């Protein structure tokens, strides 16, 4: 199964409302602090990765053009984030190794962008009803899909920090194995990439 590889406003951390038992079952509670903090953290990295990828892509295309070879195709990512780049002067200075150096950086930045966009998609999918918040059920499913212990007593801040720290580890290792496994688990439970999720992904890729 392939999942597409993406900006949410800043979070205000508030106290997590209590889960009120009814007939022995916890009532899902809505709180947007965790969703907002997690997605904002990822979106910030997406923005950085888009800038780096756009620069590498532009310089690689410039080197290809100079060598009169066709450049590689780039699909799905807008390159409108490099208005200040002057390829004739900036590219040779940044990539002293020429086309090979630009090609290596292109591959590196493409991989990093793929990681951040995929985790962003995962965070959106975990918000099953698209209300830009994780209720207790969604948060439990999110944590369990990542093989994390779900602590109902944890504050929103603690839960958000745990998630953002894991993102940073995945990103640093360039490893999406846990996220892709978690995505599969959520799909088995009926979660899907919704039309709203796709719209947000398209927006962040512009």
Foldseek 3Di string as FASTA:
>chain_A
DDDDFAAADAADFDWFDAFDDDPNDTDWDWDQRLLRLQRNLLLVQLVVLLQQLLVLQVLLCVLCVVVVHHGDDDPLFDSPNPVPDDNVPPSCVVQVVGNVSSVVSNVVSVLLSRLSRLVSLLSQLLCQVRPNTHIPVSLCLLQVLLVHDDDSPDTSVVSNVVSSVVSVVCSVVSHCPSVVSSSVSSVVVPGDCDPVSVVRGSVSRD
